Amino acid sequence: MSVTTVPPVPLSRRVLPLVMLSPAVLVTLAIVFLPMVQALWMSLHDYVLFRPKNFDWVGLKNFVTVWNDPVFWTSLRHTVIWIAITVPAQMLLGLATALLLNQNFPWRGLARALVIIPWALPSVVIALMWVWIYDSNFGVLNDLMLRFNLISSAIPWLADPDTALYAIILTLTWQGFPFFAVMILAGLQSIPRSYYEAASIDGASQARQFWHITLPGLSGVLMTATLLRVIWVANSIDVIYVMTGGGPGYSTYTLPLYALVKARTGLDYGYGSALAVSFTLLLLGFVVLYLRRAGRNIA
């Protein structure tokens, strides 16, 4: 019996994929990994722009200061609240929207296009728009609540430490739910209709079909979308910065915002970098745990 030999792949064909990928790899290294390494190196030094010629090695001193910084723990608590409320709220609202847009009704194409508007608008525009909505003097939210006798006097939503963070959470929920809606809608359309037809023949109710067909069919989409939104929401600064700047006091500080304020306002790039690195390590730990749990669930 003759053995067919496979000719070796020419060197040019083996190198070509690497050559084609090299620009993207170089750009990623230049704009992502190089600043990360620079931030890590800077976090080990005492570097304040008031003394630009001093770049003194301090080792882990900045990280010890972070550990003993009460504002760091306040910002960490706000970050956890920020993520724990915003991402599930976006997912639930996006799921409800996707289920609605997956139905047959007039002007469905237009509705699918319009739902993208909050996601497509720049964050600064959204932040300014919601600042006007929350305004205690002429904001539409207070006006509607007063008309329906839900409140007796106007509430300074962004000036009250008890409501400022949750007001911004509502803003970011409105901005981010279209991402979940689009992802889930794509997942819904990938589930074969035959599954629902077979379940209907067997007498399964709409609720049982949703629980046993829709949710399992969306599990991969939901896990991926949730992970992406956790990372994006955790790193979101622009909406908070425009709406409150972190105030009143420290009531809307999150870790990325605190690192930005320390580096931009305080010009303490060493300590600001230590805060950023600490936050990155915490977020990386969460992502690793999430991926391990998600992998076990999928398996």
C-alpha atoms as a PDB file:
ATOM      1  CA  MET A   1       0.000   0.000   0.000  1.00  0.00           C
ATOM      2  CA  SER A   2       1.427   3.331  -1.013  1.00  0.00           C
ATOM      3  CA  VAL A   3       1.706   6.136   1.497  1.00  0.00           C
ATOM      4  CA  THR A   4       0.777   9.619   0.330  1.00  0.00           C
ATOM      5  CA  THR A   5       3.223  12.207   1.549  1.00  0.00           C
ATOM      6  CA  VAL A   6       2.029  15.719   2.277  1.00  0.00           C
ATOM      7  CA  PRO A   7       4.365  18.325   0.844  1.00  0.00           C
ATOM      8  CA  PRO A   8       5.778  20.733   3.411  1.00  0.00           C
ATOM      9  CA  VAL A   9       4.169  24.125   3.685  1.00  0.00           C
ATOM     10  CA  PRO A  10       6.402  26.765   2.118  1.00  0.00           C
ATOM     11  CA  LEU A  11       8.045  29.142   4.563  1.00  0.00           C
ATOM     12  CA  SER A  12       6.405  32.136   2.909  1.00  0.00           C
ATOM     13  CA  ARG A  13       2.912  30.773   3.624  1.00  0.00           C
ATOM     14  CA  ARG A  14       3.800  30.074   7.255  1.00  0.00           C
ATOM     15  CA  VAL A  15       5.216  33.545   7.769  1.00  0.00           C
ATOM     16  CA  LEU A  16       2.452  35.404   5.924  1.00  0.00           C
ATOM     17  CA  PRO A  17      -0.171  35.131   8.747  1.00  0.00           C
ATOM     18  CA  LEU A  18       2.357  36.468  11.241  1.00  0.00           C
ATOM     19  CA  VAL A  19       3.187  39.354   8.930  1.00  0.00           C
ATOM     20  CA  MET A  20      -0.505  40.169   8.476  1.00  0.00           C
ATOM     21  CA  LEU A  21      -1.120  40.140  12.241  1.00  0.00           C
ATOM     22  CA  SER A  22       2.000  42.078  13.198  1.00  0.00           C
ATOM     23  CA  PRO A  23       0.520  45.617  12.709  1.00  0.00           C
ATOM     24  CA  ALA A  24      -2.396  44.862  15.051  1.00  0.00           C
ATOM     25  CA  VAL A  25      -0.058  43.251  17.584  1.00  0.00           C
ATOM     26  CA  LEU A  26       2.343  46.202  17.488  1.00  0.00           C
ATOM     27  CA  VAL A  27      -0.485  48.730  17.900  1.00  0.00           C
ATOM     28  CA  THR A  28      -1.903  46.738  20.840  1.00  0.00           C
ATOM     29  CA  LEU A  29       1.516  46.594  22.486  1.00  0.00           C
ATOM     30  CA  ALA A  30       2.017  50.331  21.942  1.00  0.00           C
ATOM     31  CA  ILE A  31      -1.343  51.598  23.214  1.00  0.00           C
ATOM     32  CA  VAL A  32      -2.285  48.946  25.795  1.00  0.00           C
ATOM     33  CA  PHE A  33       0.589  46.938  27.226  1.00  0.00           C
ATOM     34  CA  LEU A  34       3.266  49.642  27.147  1.00  0.00           C
ATOM     35  CA  PRO A  35       1.166  52.078  29.249  1.00  0.00           C
ATOM     36  CA  MET A  36       0.349  49.206  31.633  1.00  0.00           C
ATOM     37  CA  VAL A  37       4.033  48.475  32.157  1.00  0.00           C
ATOM     38  CA  GLN A  38       4.745  52.192  32.513  1.00  0.00           C
ATOM     39  CA  ALA A  39       1.992  52.556  35.140  1.00  0.00           C
ATOM     40  CA  LEU A  40       3.342  49.570  37.075  1.00  0.00           C
ATOM     41  CA  TRP A  41       6.867  51.007  37.006  1.00  0.00           C
ATOM     42  CA  MET A  42       5.620  54.466  38.016  1.00  0.00           C
ATOM     43  CA  SER A  43       3.638  53.016  40.936  1.00  0.00           C
ATOM     44  CA  LEU A  44       6.928  51.904  42.488  1.00  0.00           C
ATOM     45  CA  HIS A  45       8.268  55.457  42.518  1.00  0.00           C
ATOM     46  CA  ASP A  46       7.485  58.748  44.212  1.00  0.00           C
ATOM     47  CA  TYR A  47       6.655  60.900  41.213  1.00  0.00           C
ATOM     48  CA  VAL A  48       4.832  64.193  41.694  1.00  0.00           C
ATOM     49  CA  LEU A  49       4.791  66.740  38.878  1.00  0.00           C
ATOM     50  CA  PHE A  50       5.460  69.531  41.375  1.00  0.00           C
ATOM     51  CA  ARG A  51       8.929  67.961  41.510  1.00  0.00           C
ATOM     52  CA  PRO A  52       9.373  66.739  37.926  1.00  0.00           C
ATOM     53  CA  LYS A  53      13.091  65.969  38.315  1.00  0.00           C
ATOM     54  CA  ASN A  54      12.555  63.686  41.312  1.00  0.00           C
ATOM     55  CA  PHE A  55      11.754  60.088  40.441  1.00  0.00           C
ATOM     56  CA  ASP A  56      12.654  58.275  43.648  1.00  0.00           C
ATOM     57  CA  TRP A  57      12.277  54.525  44.062  1.00  0.00           C
ATOM     58  CA  VAL A  58       9.925  53.720  46.965  1.00  0.00           C
ATOM     59  CA  GLY A  59       9.085  50.087  46.240  1.00  0.00           C
ATOM     60  CA  LEU A  60       5.720  49.056  47.653  1.00  0.00           C
ATOM     61  CA  LYS A  61       5.294  52.193  49.769  1.00  0.00           C
ATOM     62  CA  ASN A  62       2.524  53.549  47.533  1.00  0.00           C
ATOM     63  CA  PHE A  63       0.616  50.270  47.829  1.00  0.00           C
ATOM     64  CA  VAL A  64       0.934  50.334  51.619  1.00  0.00           C
ATOM     65  CA  THR A  65      -0.464  53.866  51.521  1.00  0.00           C
ATOM     66  CA  VAL A  66      -3.329  52.636  49.341  1.00  0.00           C
ATOM     67  CA  TRP A  67      -4.123  49.922  51.886  1.00  0.00           C
ATOM     68  CA  ASN A  68      -4.325  52.496  54.689  1.00  0.00           C
ATOM     69  CA  ASP A  69      -6.202  55.114  52.646  1.00  0.00           C
ATOM     70  CA  PRO A  70      -9.842  55.453  53.824  1.00  0.00           C
ATOM     71  CA  VAL A  71     -10.828  57.087  50.515  1.00  0.00           C
ATOM     72  CA  PHE A  72      -9.584  53.963  48.719  1.00  0.00           C
ATOM     73  CA  TRP A  73     -11.936  51.757  50.736  1.00  0.00           C
ATOM     74  CA  THR A  74     -14.809  54.196  50.212  1.00  0.00           C
ATOM     75  CA  SER A  75     -14.128  54.186  46.469  1.00  0.00           C
ATOM     76  CA  LEU A  76     -13.874  50.387  46.456  1.00  0.00           C
ATOM     77  CA  ARG A  77     -17.248  50.080  48.194  1.00  0.00           C
ATOM     78  CA  HIS A  78     -18.806  52.471  45.687  1.00  0.00           C
ATOM     79  CA  THR A  79     -17.229  50.524  42.818  1.00  0.00           C
ATOM     80  CA  VAL A  80     -18.756  47.272  44.074  1.00  0.00           C
ATOM     81  CA  ILE A  81     -22.183  48.925  44.426  1.00  0.00           C
ATOM     82  CA  TRP A  82     -21.733  50.559  41.019  1.00  0.00           C
ATOM     83  CA  ILE A  83     -21.089  47.213  39.308  1.00  0.00           C
ATOM     84  CA  ALA A  84     -23.471  45.073  41.383  1.00  0.00           C
ATOM     85  CA  ILE A  85     -26.507  47.250  40.579  1.00  0.00           C
ATOM     86  CA  THR A  86     -25.713  48.608  37.114  1.00  0.00           C
ATOM     87  CA  VAL A  87     -24.801  45.395  35.289  1.00  0.00           C
ATOM     88  CA  PRO A  88     -27.777  43.271  36.490  1.00  0.00           C
ATOM     89  CA  ALA A  89     -30.140  46.196  35.847  1.00  0.00           C
ATOM     90  CA  GLN A  90     -28.783  46.607  32.322  1.00  0.00           C
ATOM     91  CA  MET A  91     -29.068  42.859  31.709  1.00  0.00           C
ATOM     92  CA  LEU A  92     -32.674  42.591  32.938  1.00  0.00           C
ATOM     93  CA  LEU A  93     -33.774  45.670  31.000  1.00  0.00           C
ATOM     94  CA  GLY A  94     -31.899  44.453  27.925  1.00  0.00           C
ATOM     95  CA  LEU A  95     -33.487  40.996  28.228  1.00  0.00           C
ATOM     96  CA  ALA A  96     -36.995  42.473  28.451  1.00  0.00           C
ATOM     97  CA  THR A  97     -36.293  44.746  25.483  1.00  0.00           C
ATOM     98  CA  ALA A  98     -34.878  41.896  23.391  1.00  0.00           C
ATOM     99  CA  LEU A  99     -37.871  39.675  24.118  1.00  0.00           C
ATOM    100  CA  LEU A 100     -40.180  42.503  23.038  1.00  0.00           C
ATOM    101  CA  LEU A 101     -38.203  43.275  19.873  1.00  0.00           C
ATOM    102  CA  ASN A 102     -38.194  39.600  18.964  1.00  0.00           C
ATOM    103  CA  GLN A 103     -41.999  39.664  18.581  1.00  0.00           C
ATOM    104  CA  ASN A 104     -43.825  40.507  15.360  1.00  0.00           C
ATOM    105  CA  PHE A 105     -45.377  43.974  15.437  1.00  0.00           C
ATOM    106  CA  PRO A 106     -45.632  46.972  13.075  1.00  0.00           C
ATOM    107  CA  TRP A 107     -42.539  49.147  12.730  1.00  0.00           C
ATOM    108  CA  ARG A 108     -40.362  46.530  14.419  1.00  0.00           C
ATOM    109  CA  GLY A 109     -37.354  47.509  12.298  1.00  0.00           C
ATOM    110  CA  LEU A 110     -37.678  51.137  13.376  1.00  0.00           C
ATOM    111  CA  ALA A 111     -37.976  50.115  17.030  1.00  0.00           C
ATOM    112  CA  ARG A 112     -34.819  48.014  16.740  1.00  0.00           C
ATOM    113  CA  ALA A 113     -32.985  51.004  15.299  1.00  0.00           C
ATOM    114  CA  LEU A 114     -34.240  53.477  17.903  1.00  0.00           C
ATOM    115  CA  VAL A 115     -33.279  51.288  20.861  1.00  0.00           C
ATOM    116  CA  ILE A 116     -29.621  51.804  19.937  1.00  0.00           C
ATOM    117  CA  ILE A 117     -29.803  55.565  20.554  1.00  0.00           C
ATOM    118  CA  PRO A 118     -28.699  55.526  24.226  1.00  0.00           C
ATOM    119  CA  TRP A 119     -25.739  53.330  23.315  1.00  0.00           C
ATOM    120  CA  ALA A 120     -24.809  55.418  20.278  1.00  0.00           C
ATOM    121  CA  LEU A 121     -24.848  58.827  21.996  1.00  0.00           C
ATOM    122  CA  PRO A 122     -21.540  60.113  23.412  1.00  0.00           C
ATOM    123  CA  SER A 123     -21.203  59.668  27.167  1.00  0.00           C
ATOM    124  CA  VAL A 124     -20.707  63.398  27.710  1.00  0.00           C
ATOM    125  CA  VAL A 125     -23.995  64.179  25.936  1.00  0.00           C
ATOM    126  CA  ILE A 126     -25.820  61.577  28.015  1.00  0.00           C
ATOM    127  CA  ALA A 127     -24.298  62.896  31.234  1.00  0.00           C
ATOM    128  CA  LEU A 128     -25.275  66.503  30.473  1.00  0.00           C
ATOM    129  CA  MET A 129     -28.774  65.436  29.449  1.00  0.00           C
ATOM    130  CA  TRP A 130     -29.325  63.574  32.722  1.00  0.00           C
ATOM    131  CA  VAL A 131     -27.869  66.454  34.738  1.00  0.00           C
ATOM    132  CA  TRP A 132     -30.679  68.584  33.327  1.00  0.00           C
ATOM    133  CA  ILE A 133     -33.218  65.844  34.050  1.00  0.00           C
ATOM    134  CA  TYR A 134     -32.074  65.661  37.688  1.00  0.00           C
ATOM    135  CA  ASP A 135     -31.865  69.427  38.189  1.00  0.00           C
ATOM    136  CA  SER A 136     -33.746  70.431  41.356  1.00  0.00           C
ATOM    137  CA  ASN A 137     -35.017  73.704  39.874  1.00  0.00           C
ATOM    138  CA  PHE A 138     -36.186  72.882  36.345  1.00  0.00           C
ATOM    139  CA  GLY A 139     -35.481  69.165  35.955  1.00  0.00           C
ATOM    140  CA  VAL A 140     -38.204  67.057  34.373  1.00  0.00           C
ATOM    141  CA  LEU A 141     -37.847  64.246  36.933  1.00  0.00           C
ATOM    142  CA  ASN A 142     -38.739  66.444  39.893  1.00  0.00           C
ATOM    143  CA  ASP A 143     -41.476  68.112  37.871  1.00  0.00           C
ATOM    144  CA  LEU A 144     -43.153  64.791  37.043  1.00  0.00           C
ATOM    145  CA  MET A 145     -42.849  63.488  40.595  1.00  0.00           C
ATOM    146  CA  LEU A 146     -44.327  66.694  41.992  1.00  0.00           C
ATOM    147  CA  ARG A 147     -47.224  66.576  39.498  1.00  0.00           C
ATOM    148  CA  PHE A 148     -48.077  63.001  40.548  1.00  0.00           C
ATOM    149  CA  ASN A 149     -47.648  63.865  44.262  1.00  0.00           C
ATOM    150  CA  LEU A 150     -44.836  61.348  44.673  1.00  0.00           C
ATOM    151  CA  ILE A 151     -42.724  63.916  46.504  1.00  0.00           C
ATOM    152  CA  SER A 152     -43.605  67.072  48.428  1.00  0.00           C
ATOM    153  CA  SER A 153     -40.551  69.122  47.421  1.00  0.00           C
ATOM    154  CA  ALA A 154     -37.850  68.971  44.783  1.00  0.00           C
ATOM    155  CA  ILE A 155     -34.973  66.568  45.510  1.00  0.00           C
ATOM    156  CA  PRO A 156     -31.379  67.603  44.706  1.00  0.00           C
ATOM    157  CA  TRP A 157     -30.547  64.216  43.235  1.00  0.00           C
ATOM    158  CA  LEU A 158     -26.907  64.930  42.393  1.00  0.00           C
ATOM    159  CA  ALA A 159     -26.220  67.184  45.379  1.00  0.00           C
ATOM    160  CA  ASP A 160     -27.412  64.734  48.033  1.00  0.00           C
ATOM    161  CA  PRO A 161     -24.774  62.157  49.106  1.00  0.00           C
ATOM    162  CA  ASP A 162     -27.540  59.610  49.711  1.00  0.00           C
ATOM    163  CA  THR A 163     -28.935  59.768  46.175  1.00  0.00           C
ATOM    164  CA  ALA A 164     -26.076  60.932  43.925  1.00  0.00           C
ATOM    165  CA  LEU A 165     -24.503  57.522  43.291  1.00  0.00           C
ATOM    166  CA  TYR A 166     -27.835  55.824  42.588  1.00  0.00           C
ATOM    167  CA  ALA A 167     -28.873  58.646  40.259  1.00  0.00           C
ATOM    168  CA  ILE A 168     -25.739  58.058  38.194  1.00  0.00           C
ATOM    169  CA  ILE A 169     -26.383  54.302  38.273  1.00  0.00           C
ATOM    170  CA  LEU A 170     -29.788  54.942  36.707  1.00  0.00           C
ATOM    171  CA  THR A 171     -28.123  57.051  34.015  1.00  0.00           C
ATOM    172  CA  LEU A 172     -25.573  54.373  33.150  1.00  0.00           C
ATOM    173  CA  THR A 173     -28.276  51.687  33.191  1.00  0.00           C
ATOM    174  CA  TRP A 174     -30.202  53.642  30.574  1.00  0.00           C
ATOM    175  CA  GLN A 175     -27.052  54.136  28.519  1.00  0.00           C
ATOM    176  CA  GLY A 176     -25.864  50.520  28.606  1.00  0.00           C
ATOM    177  CA  PHE A 177     -28.988  48.363  28.313  1.00  0.00           C
ATOM    178  CA  PRO A 178     -29.053  48.514  24.447  1.00  0.00           C
ATOM    179  CA  PHE A 179     -25.801  46.527  24.408  1.00  0.00           C
ATOM    180  CA  PHE A 180     -27.499  43.667  26.240  1.00  0.00           C
ATOM    181  CA  ALA A 181     -30.625  44.071  24.091  1.00  0.00           C
ATOM    182  CA  VAL A 182     -28.709  43.695  20.830  1.00  0.00           C
ATOM    183  CA  MET A 183     -26.617  40.771  22.080  1.00  0.00           C
ATOM    184  CA  ILE A 184     -29.630  38.924  23.508  1.00  0.00           C
ATOM    185  CA  LEU A 185     -31.734  39.616  20.414  1.00  0.00           C
ATOM    186  CA  ALA A 186     -29.047  37.989  18.275  1.00  0.00           C
ATOM    187  CA  GLY A 187     -29.006  35.041  20.666  1.00  0.00           C
ATOM    188  CA  LEU A 188     -32.798  34.689  20.517  1.00  0.00           C
ATOM    189  CA  GLN A 189     -32.745  34.505  16.751  1.00  0.00           C
ATOM    190  CA  SER A 190     -30.185  31.700  16.876  1.00  0.00           C
ATOM    191  CA  ILE A 191     -32.507  29.409  18.905  1.00  0.00           C
ATOM    192  CA  PRO A 192     -34.362  27.054  16.519  1.00  0.00           C
ATOM    193  CA  ARG A 193     -38.104  27.642  16.385  1.00  0.00           C
ATOM    194  CA  SER A 194     -38.597  23.880  16.306  1.00  0.00           C
ATOM    195  CA  TYR A 195     -37.706  23.734  20.016  1.00  0.00           C
ATOM    196  CA  TYR A 196     -40.647  25.970  20.896  1.00  0.00           C
ATOM    197  CA  GLU A 197     -42.989  24.127  18.545  1.00  0.00           C
ATOM    198  CA  ALA A 198     -42.087  20.787  20.132  1.00  0.00           C
ATOM    199  CA  ALA A 199     -42.523  22.235  23.622  1.00  0.00           C
ATOM    200  CA  SER A 200     -45.939  23.654  22.684  1.00  0.00           C
ATOM    201  CA  ILE A 201     -47.055  20.269  21.370  1.00  0.00           C
ATOM    202  CA  ASP A 202     -45.970  18.721  24.687  1.00  0.00           C
ATOM    203  CA  GLY A 203     -48.092  21.275  26.541  1.00  0.00           C
ATOM    204  CA  ALA A 204     -45.299  23.416  27.980  1.00  0.00           C
ATOM    205  CA  SER A 205     -46.420  26.880  29.089  1.00  0.00           C
ATOM    206  CA  GLN A 206     -44.735  30.110  27.975  1.00  0.00           C
ATOM    207  CA  ALA A 207     -42.972  30.356  31.336  1.00  0.00           C
ATOM    208  CA  ARG A 208     -41.590  26.805  31.077  1.00  0.00           C
ATOM    209  CA  GLN A 209     -40.465  27.427  27.518  1.00  0.00           C
ATOM    210  CA  PHE A 210     -38.651  30.550  28.646  1.00  0.00           C
ATOM    211  CA  TRP A 211     -36.993  28.753  31.563  1.00  0.00           C
ATOM    212  CA  HIS A 212     -36.027  25.534  29.777  1.00  0.00           C
ATOM    213  CA  ILE A 213     -35.387  26.744  26.206  1.00  0.00           C
ATOM    214  CA  THR A 214     -34.758  30.486  26.076  1.00  0.00           C
ATOM    215  CA  LEU A 215     -32.466  30.908  29.078  1.00  0.00           C
ATOM    216  CA  PRO A 216     -30.274  27.852  28.313  1.00  0.00           C
ATOM    217  CA  GLY A 217     -30.035  29.027  24.715  1.00  0.00           C
ATOM    218  CA  LEU A 218     -28.904  32.462  25.869  1.00  0.00           C
ATOM    219  CA  SER A 219     -26.450  31.278  28.536  1.00  0.00           C
ATOM    220  CA  GLY A 220     -23.340  31.767  26.409  1.00  0.00           C
ATOM    221  CA  VAL A 221     -24.468  35.200  25.208  1.00  0.00           C
ATOM    222  CA  LEU A 222     -25.378  36.322  28.725  1.00  0.00           C
ATOM    223  CA  MET A 223     -22.055  35.198  30.197  1.00  0.00           C
ATOM    224  CA  THR A 224     -20.033  36.946  27.504  1.00  0.00           C
ATOM    225  CA  ALA A 225     -22.099  40.140  27.560  1.00  0.00           C
ATOM    226  CA  THR A 226     -22.050  40.285  31.359  1.00  0.00           C
ATOM    227  CA  LEU A 227     -18.271  39.944  31.489  1.00  0.00           C
ATOM    228  CA  LEU A 228     -17.800  42.695  28.917  1.00  0.00           C
ATOM    229  CA  ARG A 229     -20.197  45.027  30.706  1.00  0.00           C
ATOM    230  CA  VAL A 230     -18.564  44.395  34.091  1.00  0.00           C
ATOM    231  CA  ILE A 231     -15.212  45.451  32.643  1.00  0.00           C
ATOM    232  CA  TRP A 232     -16.659  48.501  30.873  1.00  0.00           C
ATOM    233  CA  VAL A 233     -18.824  49.632  33.777  1.00  0.00           C
ATOM    234  CA  ALA A 234     -15.980  49.171  36.252  1.00  0.00           C
ATOM    235  CA  ASN A 235     -13.745  51.398  34.123  1.00  0.00           C
ATOM    236  CA  SER A 236     -16.446  53.973  33.386  1.00  0.00           C
ATOM    237  CA  ILE A 237     -15.321  57.440  34.456  1.00  0.00           C
ATOM    238  CA  ASP A 238     -16.735  59.931  31.969  1.00  0.00           C
ATOM    239  CA  VAL A 239     -20.377  59.871  33.099  1.00  0.00           C
ATOM    240  CA  ILE A 240     -19.474  60.261  36.789  1.00  0.00           C
ATOM    241  CA  TYR A 241     -16.893  62.940  36.080  1.00  0.00           C
ATOM    242  CA  VAL A 242     -19.272  65.072  34.027  1.00  0.00           C
ATOM    243  CA  MET A 243     -22.282  64.650  36.322  1.00  0.00           C
ATOM    244  CA  THR A 244     -20.686  65.102  39.768  1.00  0.00           C
ATOM    245  CA  GLY A 245     -16.900  65.029  39.471  1.00  0.00           C
ATOM    246  CA  GLY A 246     -16.952  62.489  42.301  1.00  0.00           C
ATOM    247  CA  GLY A 247     -18.947  64.651  44.692  1.00  0.00           C
ATOM    248  CA  PRO A 248     -20.607  65.679  46.808  1.00  0.00           C
ATOM    249  CA  GLY A 249     -17.645  64.876  48.987  1.00  0.00           C
ATOM    250  CA  TYR A 250     -16.550  61.345  48.098  1.00  0.00           C
ATOM    251  CA  SER A 251     -20.077  60.015  47.631  1.00  0.00           C
ATOM    252  CA  THR A 252     -19.629  59.117  43.933  1.00  0.00           C
ATOM    253  CA  TYR A 253     -15.958  58.213  43.944  1.00  0.00           C
ATOM    254  CA  THR A 254     -15.036  54.944  42.240  1.00  0.00           C
ATOM    255  CA  LEU A 255     -11.524  53.525  42.050  1.00  0.00           C
ATOM    256  CA  PRO A 256     -10.793  54.581  38.443  1.00  0.00           C
ATOM    257  CA  LEU A 257     -12.089  58.069  39.188  1.00  0.00           C
ATOM    258  CA  TYR A 258     -10.031  58.307  42.382  1.00  0.00           C
ATOM    259  CA  ALA A 259      -6.897  57.276  40.472  1.00  0.00           C
ATOM    260  CA  LEU A 260      -7.653  59.892  37.804  1.00  0.00           C
ATOM    261  CA  VAL A 261      -8.219  62.635  40.373  1.00  0.00           C
ATOM    262  CA  LYS A 262      -4.988  61.811  42.207  1.00  0.00           C
ATOM    263  CA  ALA A 263      -2.980  61.862  38.992  1.00  0.00           C
ATOM    264  CA  ARG A 264      -4.745  64.703  37.169  1.00  0.00           C
ATOM    265  CA  THR A 265      -5.669  67.062  39.990  1.00  0.00           C
ATOM    266  CA  GLY A 266      -3.114  66.167  42.630  1.00  0.00           C
ATOM    267  CA  LEU A 267      -0.399  65.544  39.999  1.00  0.00           C
ATOM    268  CA  ASP A 268       0.746  62.579  42.109  1.00  0.00           C
ATOM    269  CA  TYR A 269       1.380  60.109  39.325  1.00  0.00           C
ATOM    270  CA  GLY A 270       3.147  57.617  41.557  1.00  0.00           C
ATOM    271  CA  TYR A 271       0.208  57.213  43.942  1.00  0.00           C
ATOM    272  CA  GLY A 272      -2.336  57.501  41.129  1.00  0.00           C
ATOM    273  CA  SER A 273      -0.572  54.682  39.296  1.00  0.00           C
ATOM    274  CA  ALA A 274      -0.600  52.568  42.460  1.00  0.00           C
ATOM    275  CA  LEU A 275      -4.361  53.066  42.712  1.00  0.00           C
ATOM    276  CA  ALA A 276      -4.797  52.117  39.048  1.00  0.00           C
ATOM    277  CA  VAL A 277      -2.642  49.012  39.401  1.00  0.00           C
ATOM    278  CA  SER A 278      -4.494  47.954  42.554  1.00  0.00           C
ATOM    279  CA  PHE A 279      -7.818  48.321  40.767  1.00  0.00           C
ATOM    280  CA  THR A 280      -6.526  46.382  37.752  1.00  0.00           C
ATOM    281  CA  LEU A 281      -5.408  43.489  39.956  1.00  0.00           C
ATOM    282  CA  LEU A 282      -8.778  43.390  41.741  1.00  0.00           C
ATOM    283  CA  LEU A 283     -10.665  43.436  38.440  1.00  0.00           C
ATOM    284  CA  LEU A 284      -8.349  40.791  36.983  1.00  0.00           C
ATOM    285  CA  GLY A 285      -9.003  38.549  39.987  1.00  0.00           C
ATOM    286  CA  PHE A 286     -12.740  38.908  39.494  1.00  0.00           C
ATOM    287  CA  VAL A 287     -12.464  38.126  35.776  1.00  0.00           C
ATOM    288  CA  VAL A 288     -10.426  34.956  36.465  1.00  0.00           C
ATOM    289  CA  LEU A 289     -12.959  33.728  39.043  1.00  0.00           C
ATOM    290  CA  TYR A 290     -15.845  34.563  36.711  1.00  0.00           C
ATOM    291  CA  LEU A 291     -14.287  32.700  33.780  1.00  0.00           C
ATOM    292  CA  ARG A 292     -13.610  29.637  35.923  1.00  0.00           C
ATOM    293  CA  ARG A 293     -17.170  29.570  37.181  1.00  0.00           C
ATOM    294  CA  ALA A 294     -18.556  30.215  33.717  1.00  0.00           C
ATOM    295  CA  GLY A 295     -16.415  27.397  32.320  1.00  0.00           C
ATOM    296  CA  ARG A 296     -17.767  24.955  34.914  1.00  0.00           C
ATOM    297  CA  ASN A 297     -21.349  26.014  34.160  1.00  0.00           C
ATOM    298  CA  ILE A 298     -20.868  25.548  30.431  1.00  0.00           C
ATOM    299  CA  ALA A 299     -19.191  22.175  30.951  1.00  0.00           C
END
